[in-house]
All heavy atoms as atom14 arrays in JSON, in Angstrom:
{
  "sequence": "EEERVNELIRILKNTIRLTGFELLNRIELR",
  "atom14_mask": [
    [1, 1, 1, 1, 1, 1, 1, 1, 1, 0, 0, 0, 0, 0],
    [1, 1, 1, 1, 1, 1, 1, 1, 1, 0, 0, 0, 0, 0],
    [1, 1, 1, 1, 1, 1, 1, 1, 1, 0, 0, 0, 0, 0],
    [1, 1, 1, 1, 1, 1, 1, 1, 1, 1, 1, 0, 0, 0],
    [1, 1, 1, 1, 1, 1, 1, 0, 0, 0, 0, 0, 0, 0],
    [1, 1, 1, 1, 1, 1, 1, 1, 0, 0, 0, 0, 0, 0],
    [1, 1, 1, 1, 1, 1, 1, 1, 1, 0, 0, 0, 0, 0],
    [1, 1, 1, 1, 1, 1, 1, 1, 0, 0, 0, 0, 0, 0],
    [1, 1, 1, 1, 1, 1, 1, 1, 0, 0, 0, 0, 0, 0],
    [1, 1, 1, 1, 1, 1, 1, 1, 1, 1, 1, 0, 0, 0],
    [1, 1, 1, 1, 1, 1, 1, 1, 0, 0, 0, 0, 0, 0],
    [1, 1, 1, 1, 1, 1, 1, 1, 0, 0, 0, 0, 0, 0],
    [1, 1, 1, 1, 1, 1, 1, 1, 1, 0, 0, 0, 0, 0],
    [1, 1, 1, 1, 1, 1, 1, 1, 0, 0, 0, 0, 0, 0],
    [1, 1, 1, 1, 1, 1, 1, 0, 0, 0, 0, 0, 0, 0],
    [1, 1, 1, 1, 1, 1, 1, 1, 0, 0, 0, 0, 0, 0],
    [1, 1, 1, 1, 1, 1, 1, 1, 1, 1, 1, 0, 0, 0],
    [1, 1, 1, 1, 1, 1, 1, 1, 0, 0, 0, 0, 0, 0],
    [1, 1, 1, 1, 1, 1, 1, 0, 0, 0, 0, 0, 0, 0],
    [1, 1, 1, 1, 0, 0, 0, 0, 0, 0, 0, 0, 0, 0],
    [1, 1, 1, 1, 1, 1, 1, 1, 1, 1, 1, 0, 0, 0],
    [1, 1, 1, 1, 1, 1, 1, 1, 1, 0, 0, 0, 0, 0],
    [1, 1, 1, 1, 1, 1, 1, 1, 0, 0, 0, 0, 0, 0],
    [1, 1, 1, 1, 1, 1, 1, 1, 0, 0, 0, 0, 0, 0],
    [1, 1, 1, 1, 1, 1, 1, 1, 0, 0, 0, 0, 0, 0],
    [1, 1, 1, 1, 1, 1, 1, 1, 1, 1, 1, 0, 0, 0],
    [1, 1, 1, 1, 1, 1, 1, 1, 0, 0, 0, 0, 0, 0],
    [1, 1, 1, 1, 1, 1, 1, 1, 1, 0, 0, 0, 0, 0],
    [1, 1, 1, 1, 1, 1, 1, 1, 0, 0, 0, 0, 0, 0],
    [1, 1, 1, 1, 1, 1, 1, 1, 1, 1, 1, 0, 0, 0]
  ],
  "atom14_positions": [
    [[-112.71, 14.09, 172.17], [-113.29, 14.98, 171.2], [-114.16, 16.08, 171.71], [-113.97, 17.26, 171.42], [-114.24, 14.21, 170.29], [-114.66, 15.03, 168.95], [-115.38, 14.07, 167.96], [-114.88, 12.99, 167.71], [-116.42, 14.5, 167.43], [0.0, 0.0, 0.0], [0.0, 0.0, 0.0], [0.0, 0.0, 0.0], [0.0, 0.0, 0.0], [0.0, 0.0, 0.0]],
    [[-114.92, 15.68, 172.88], [-115.73, 16.75, 173.5], [-114.95, 17.8, 174.27], [-115.22, 18.97, 174.26], [-116.84, 16.1, 174.37], [-117.89, 15.33, 173.67], [-118.76, 14.56, 174.5], [-118.57, 14.49, 175.73], [-119.91, 14.24, 174.04], [0.0, 0.0, 0.0], [0.0, 0.0, 0.0], [0.0, 0.0, 0.0], [0.0, 0.0, 0.0], [0.0, 0.0, 0.0]],
    [[-113.78, 17.32, 174.74], [-112.87, 18.11, 175.54], [-112.3, 19.13, 174.55], [-112.08, 20.3, 174.78], [-111.85, 17.42, 176.33], [-110.85, 18.34, 177.01], [-111.61, 19.31, 178.05], [-112.57, 18.9, 178.63], [-111.09, 20.42, 178.11], [0.0, 0.0, 0.0], [0.0, 0.0, 0.0], [0.0, 0.0, 0.0], [0.0, 0.0, 0.0], [0.0, 0.0, 0.0]],
    [[-111.95, 18.61, 173.36], [-111.33, 19.5, 172.25], [-112.28, 20.62, 171.82], [-111.93, 21.74, 171.65], [-111.06, 18.59, 171.15], [-110.05, 19.16, 170.06], [-109.69, 18.26, 169.0], [-110.43, 18.73, 167.78], [-111.03, 17.91, 167.03], [-111.08, 16.6, 167.08], [-111.51, 18.46, 165.9], [0.0, 0.0, 0.0], [0.0, 0.0, 0.0], [0.0, 0.0, 0.0]],
    [[-113.67, 20.26, 171.75], [-114.7, 21.19, 171.34], [-114.74, 22.25, 172.42], [-114.8, 23.48, 172.22], [-115.88, 20.46, 171.07], [-117.1, 21.45, 170.97], [-115.8, 19.76, 169.83], [0.0, 0.0, 0.0], [0.0, 0.0, 0.0], [0.0, 0.0, 0.0], [0.0, 0.0, 0.0], [0.0, 0.0, 0.0], [0.0, 0.0, 0.0], [0.0, 0.0, 0.0]],
    [[-114.83, 21.76, 173.69], [-115.01, 22.67, 174.86], [-113.87, 23.68, 175.07], [-114.04, 24.81, 175.26], [-115.23, 21.75, 176.22], [-116.47, 21.11, 176.27], [-117.49, 21.48, 175.71], [-116.5, 20.01, 177.01], [0.0, 0.0, 0.0], [0.0, 0.0, 0.0], [0.0, 0.0, 0.0], [0.0, 0.0, 0.0], [0.0, 0.0, 0.0], [0.0, 0.0, 0.0]],
    [[-112.59, 23.18, 174.75], [-111.47, 24.03, 174.8], [-111.6, 25.17, 173.77], [-111.28, 26.28, 173.92], [-110.21, 23.31, 174.67], [-109.02, 24.09, 174.62], [-108.65, 24.91, 175.92], [-109.26, 24.49, 176.96], [-107.86, 25.83, 175.9], [0.0, 0.0, 0.0], [0.0, 0.0, 0.0], [0.0, 0.0, 0.0], [0.0, 0.0, 0.0], [0.0, 0.0, 0.0]],
    [[-111.99, 24.66, 172.51], [-112.13, 25.69, 171.41], [-113.25, 26.81, 171.74], [-112.99, 27.96, 171.54], [-112.55, 24.99, 170.11], [-112.92, 25.85, 168.89], [-111.76, 26.8, 168.45], [-113.29, 24.9, 167.76], [0.0, 0.0, 0.0], [0.0, 0.0, 0.0], [0.0, 0.0, 0.0], [0.0, 0.0, 0.0], [0.0, 0.0, 0.0], [0.0, 0.0, 0.0]],
    [[-114.45, 26.37, 172.33], [-115.36, 27.28, 172.65], [-114.88, 28.25, 173.74], [-115.23, 29.52, 173.56], [-116.66, 26.61, 173.13], [-117.25, 25.88, 171.94], [-117.65, 27.47, 173.85], [-118.4, 24.89, 172.29], [0.0, 0.0, 0.0], [0.0, 0.0, 0.0], [0.0, 0.0, 0.0], [0.0, 0.0, 0.0], [0.0, 0.0, 0.0], [0.0, 0.0, 0.0]],
    [[-114.13, 27.74, 174.69], [-113.55, 28.7, 175.75], [-112.68, 29.77, 174.99], [-112.75, 30.88, 175.33], [-112.66, 27.93, 176.7], [-113.51, 27.31, 177.89], [-112.59, 26.79, 179.03], [-111.98, 25.63, 178.63], [-112.4, 24.36, 178.61], [-113.45, 24.08, 179.08], [-111.54, 23.29, 178.36], [0.0, 0.0, 0.0], [0.0, 0.0, 0.0], [0.0, 0.0, 0.0]],
    [[-111.78, 29.32, 174.03], [-110.84, 30.24, 173.4], [-111.62, 31.17, 172.61], [-111.38, 32.37, 172.62], [-109.87, 29.41, 172.52], [-108.97, 28.63, 173.31], [-109.21, 30.29, 171.57], [-108.09, 27.48, 172.53], [0.0, 0.0, 0.0], [0.0, 0.0, 0.0], [0.0, 0.0, 0.0], [0.0, 0.0, 0.0], [0.0, 0.0, 0.0], [0.0, 0.0, 0.0]],
    [[-112.65, 30.82, 171.92], [-113.61, 31.69, 171.13], [-114.14, 32.73, 172.06], [-114.09, 33.91, 171.64], [-114.53, 30.95, 170.31], [-114.0, 30.14, 169.24], [-115.1, 29.24, 168.53], [-113.45, 30.97, 168.04], [0.0, 0.0, 0.0], [0.0, 0.0, 0.0], [0.0, 0.0, 0.0], [0.0, 0.0, 0.0], [0.0, 0.0, 0.0], [0.0, 0.0, 0.0]],
    [[-114.77, 32.26, 173.08], [-115.42, 33.19, 174.01], [-114.37, 34.23, 174.7], [-114.84, 35.38, 174.62], [-116.2, 32.51, 175.15], [-117.43, 31.82, 174.65], [-118.07, 31.13, 175.82], [-119.31, 30.47, 175.46], [-120.14, 29.73, 176.45], [0.0, 0.0, 0.0], [0.0, 0.0, 0.0], [0.0, 0.0, 0.0], [0.0, 0.0, 0.0], [0.0, 0.0, 0.0]],
    [[-113.33, 33.73, 174.97], [-112.36, 34.69, 175.5], [-111.81, 35.78, 174.49], [-111.71, 36.83, 174.79], [-111.06, 33.95, 176.11], [-111.34, 33.31, 177.45], [-112.25, 33.71, 178.19], [-110.64, 32.31, 177.63], [0.0, 0.0, 0.0], [0.0, 0.0, 0.0], [0.0, 0.0, 0.0], [0.0, 0.0, 0.0], [0.0, 0.0, 0.0], [0.0, 0.0, 0.0]],
    [[-111.51, 35.22, 173.17], [-111.2, 36.09, 172.13], [-112.34, 37.22, 171.93], [-112.01, 38.38, 171.72], [-110.88, 35.32, 170.83], [-109.95, 34.36, 171.12], [-110.53, 36.12, 169.65], [0.0, 0.0, 0.0], [0.0, 0.0, 0.0], [0.0, 0.0, 0.0], [0.0, 0.0, 0.0], [0.0, 0.0, 0.0], [0.0, 0.0, 0.0], [0.0, 0.0, 0.0]],
    [[-113.45, 36.74, 171.81], [-114.65, 37.64, 171.68], [-114.66, 38.83, 172.75], [-114.83, 39.94, 172.5], [-116.01, 36.82, 171.64], [-116.02, 36.05, 170.31], [-117.23, 37.81, 171.77], [-117.18, 35.05, 170.33], [0.0, 0.0, 0.0], [0.0, 0.0, 0.0], [0.0, 0.0, 0.0], [0.0, 0.0, 0.0], [0.0, 0.0, 0.0], [0.0, 0.0, 0.0]],
    [[-114.53, 38.33, 174.06], [-114.55, 39.18, 175.11], [-113.41, 40.15, 175.15], [-113.49, 41.43, 175.31], [-114.54, 38.37, 176.45], [-114.75, 39.34, 177.67], [-114.68, 38.54, 178.91], [-113.57, 37.59, 178.98], [-112.32, 37.94, 179.3], [-111.89, 39.09, 179.65], [-111.37, 36.92, 179.43], [0.0, 0.0, 0.0], [0.0, 0.0, 0.0], [0.0, 0.0, 0.0]],
    [[-112.12, 39.69, 174.87], [-111.01, 40.56, 174.85], [-110.85, 41.49, 173.76], [-110.22, 42.57, 173.74], [-109.68, 39.68, 174.76], [-109.35, 38.78, 176.01], [-108.32, 37.82, 175.73], [-109.15, 39.71, 177.19], [0.0, 0.0, 0.0], [0.0, 0.0, 0.0], [0.0, 0.0, 0.0], [0.0, 0.0, 0.0], [0.0, 0.0, 0.0], [0.0, 0.0, 0.0]],
    [[-111.65, 41.32, 172.67], [-111.64, 42.21, 171.51], [-112.84, 43.21, 171.65], [-113.0, 43.98, 170.69], [-111.76, 41.52, 170.15], [-112.81, 40.62, 170.09], [-110.48, 40.59, 169.95], [0.0, 0.0, 0.0], [0.0, 0.0, 0.0], [0.0, 0.0, 0.0], [0.0, 0.0, 0.0], [0.0, 0.0, 0.0], [0.0, 0.0, 0.0], [0.0, 0.0, 0.0]],
    [[-113.58, 43.16, 172.74], [-114.67, 44.18, 172.94], [-116.0, 43.84, 172.45], [-116.89, 44.66, 172.36], [0.0, 0.0, 0.0], [0.0, 0.0, 0.0], [0.0, 0.0, 0.0], [0.0, 0.0, 0.0], [0.0, 0.0, 0.0], [0.0, 0.0, 0.0], [0.0, 0.0, 0.0], [0.0, 0.0, 0.0], [0.0, 0.0, 0.0], [0.0, 0.0, 0.0]],
    [[-116.2, 42.54, 171.94], [-117.4, 42.1, 171.39], [-118.18, 41.27, 172.55], [-117.49, 40.79, 173.46], [-117.23, 41.42, 170.15], [-116.82, 42.26, 168.95], [-115.47, 42.32, 168.79], [-117.78, 42.91, 168.16], [-115.01, 43.05, 167.78], [-117.21, 43.59, 167.11], [-115.87, 43.76, 166.78], [0.0, 0.0, 0.0], [0.0, 0.0, 0.0], [0.0, 0.0, 0.0]],
    [[-119.4, 41.03, 172.2], [-120.12, 40.07, 173.17], [-120.9, 39.1, 172.1], [-121.2, 39.24, 171.07], [-121.1, 40.74, 174.07], [-122.25, 41.55, 173.34], [-123.06, 42.19, 174.38], [-124.09, 41.66, 174.89], [-122.87, 43.36, 174.69], [0.0, 0.0, 0.0], [0.0, 0.0, 0.0], [0.0, 0.0, 0.0], [0.0, 0.0, 0.0], [0.0, 0.0, 0.0]],
    [[-121.01, 37.8, 172.76], [-121.57, 36.74, 172.02], [-123.11, 36.85, 172.1], [-123.62, 36.93, 173.33], [-121.12, 35.34, 172.52], [-121.62, 34.17, 171.88], [-121.15, 34.05, 170.39], [-121.06, 32.94, 172.58], [0.0, 0.0, 0.0], [0.0, 0.0, 0.0], [0.0, 0.0, 0.0], [0.0, 0.0, 0.0], [0.0, 0.0, 0.0], [0.0, 0.0, 0.0]],
    [[-123.9, 36.8, 171.11], [-125.36, 37.03, 171.16], [-126.04, 35.86, 171.06], [-127.18, 35.66, 171.46], [-125.7, 38.0, 170.17], [-125.27, 39.52, 170.28], [-125.77, 40.34, 169.19], [-125.66, 40.11, 171.6], [0.0, 0.0, 0.0], [0.0, 0.0, 0.0], [0.0, 0.0, 0.0], [0.0, 0.0, 0.0], [0.0, 0.0, 0.0], [0.0, 0.0, 0.0]],
    [[-125.47, 34.8, 170.22], [-126.19, 33.57, 170.06], [-125.2, 32.34, 170.41], [-124.0, 32.47, 170.57], [-126.63, 33.39, 168.62], [-127.72, 34.35, 168.33], [-128.71, 34.44, 169.02], [-127.55, 35.16, 167.23], [0.0, 0.0, 0.0], [0.0, 0.0, 0.0], [0.0, 0.0, 0.0], [0.0, 0.0, 0.0], [0.0, 0.0, 0.0], [0.0, 0.0, 0.0]],
    [[-125.77, 31.16, 170.46], [-125.07, 29.98, 170.68], [-123.92, 29.76, 169.61], [-124.21, 30.09, 168.45], [-125.92, 28.78, 170.75], [-126.86, 28.84, 172.02], [-127.64, 27.58, 172.04], [-126.97, 26.36, 172.0], [-126.74, 25.6, 173.06], [-127.5, 25.9, 174.19], [-126.14, 24.46, 173.04], [0.0, 0.0, 0.0], [0.0, 0.0, 0.0], [0.0, 0.0, 0.0]],
    [[-122.88, 29.13, 169.96], [-121.92, 28.71, 168.99], [-122.24, 27.33, 168.53], [-122.5, 26.4, 169.34], [-120.5, 28.72, 169.63], [-120.02, 30.17, 170.08], [-119.44, 28.08, 168.64], [-118.8, 30.24, 170.88], [0.0, 0.0, 0.0], [0.0, 0.0, 0.0], [0.0, 0.0, 0.0], [0.0, 0.0, 0.0], [0.0, 0.0, 0.0], [0.0, 0.0, 0.0]],
    [[-122.24, 27.15, 167.18], [-122.51, 25.92, 166.59], [-121.35, 25.44, 165.69], [-120.91, 26.23, 164.84], [-123.79, 25.96, 165.71], [-124.29, 24.59, 165.2], [-125.73, 24.75, 164.57], [-126.48, 25.6, 165.04], [-125.89, 24.01, 163.58], [0.0, 0.0, 0.0], [0.0, 0.0, 0.0], [0.0, 0.0, 0.0], [0.0, 0.0, 0.0], [0.0, 0.0, 0.0]],
    [[-120.89, 24.26, 166.0], [-119.69, 23.81, 165.19], [-119.9, 22.41, 164.69], [-120.62, 21.71, 165.21], [-118.48, 23.64, 166.21], [-118.05, 24.92, 166.98], [-117.12, 24.55, 168.16], [-117.48, 25.86, 166.02], [0.0, 0.0, 0.0], [0.0, 0.0, 0.0], [0.0, 0.0, 0.0], [0.0, 0.0, 0.0], [0.0, 0.0, 0.0], [0.0, 0.0, 0.0]],
    [[-119.26, 22.17, 163.53], [-119.24, 20.79, 162.91], [-117.82, 20.47, 162.73], [-117.05, 21.08, 162.15], [-120.02, 20.79, 161.57], [-120.04, 19.4, 160.97], [-120.75, 19.2, 159.72], [-120.62, 20.31, 158.7], [-121.67, 21.0, 158.25], [-122.87, 20.59, 158.47], [-121.58, 21.99, 157.4], [0.0, 0.0, 0.0], [0.0, 0.0, 0.0], [0.0, 0.0, 0.0]]
  ]
}
């Protein structure tokens, strides 16, 4: 489950970077 969450966070961060945005705060998931 933790690996699944880590993979999702990597994908989100890459998507944010590739679309020209930057992440300003922590990602919180439930």
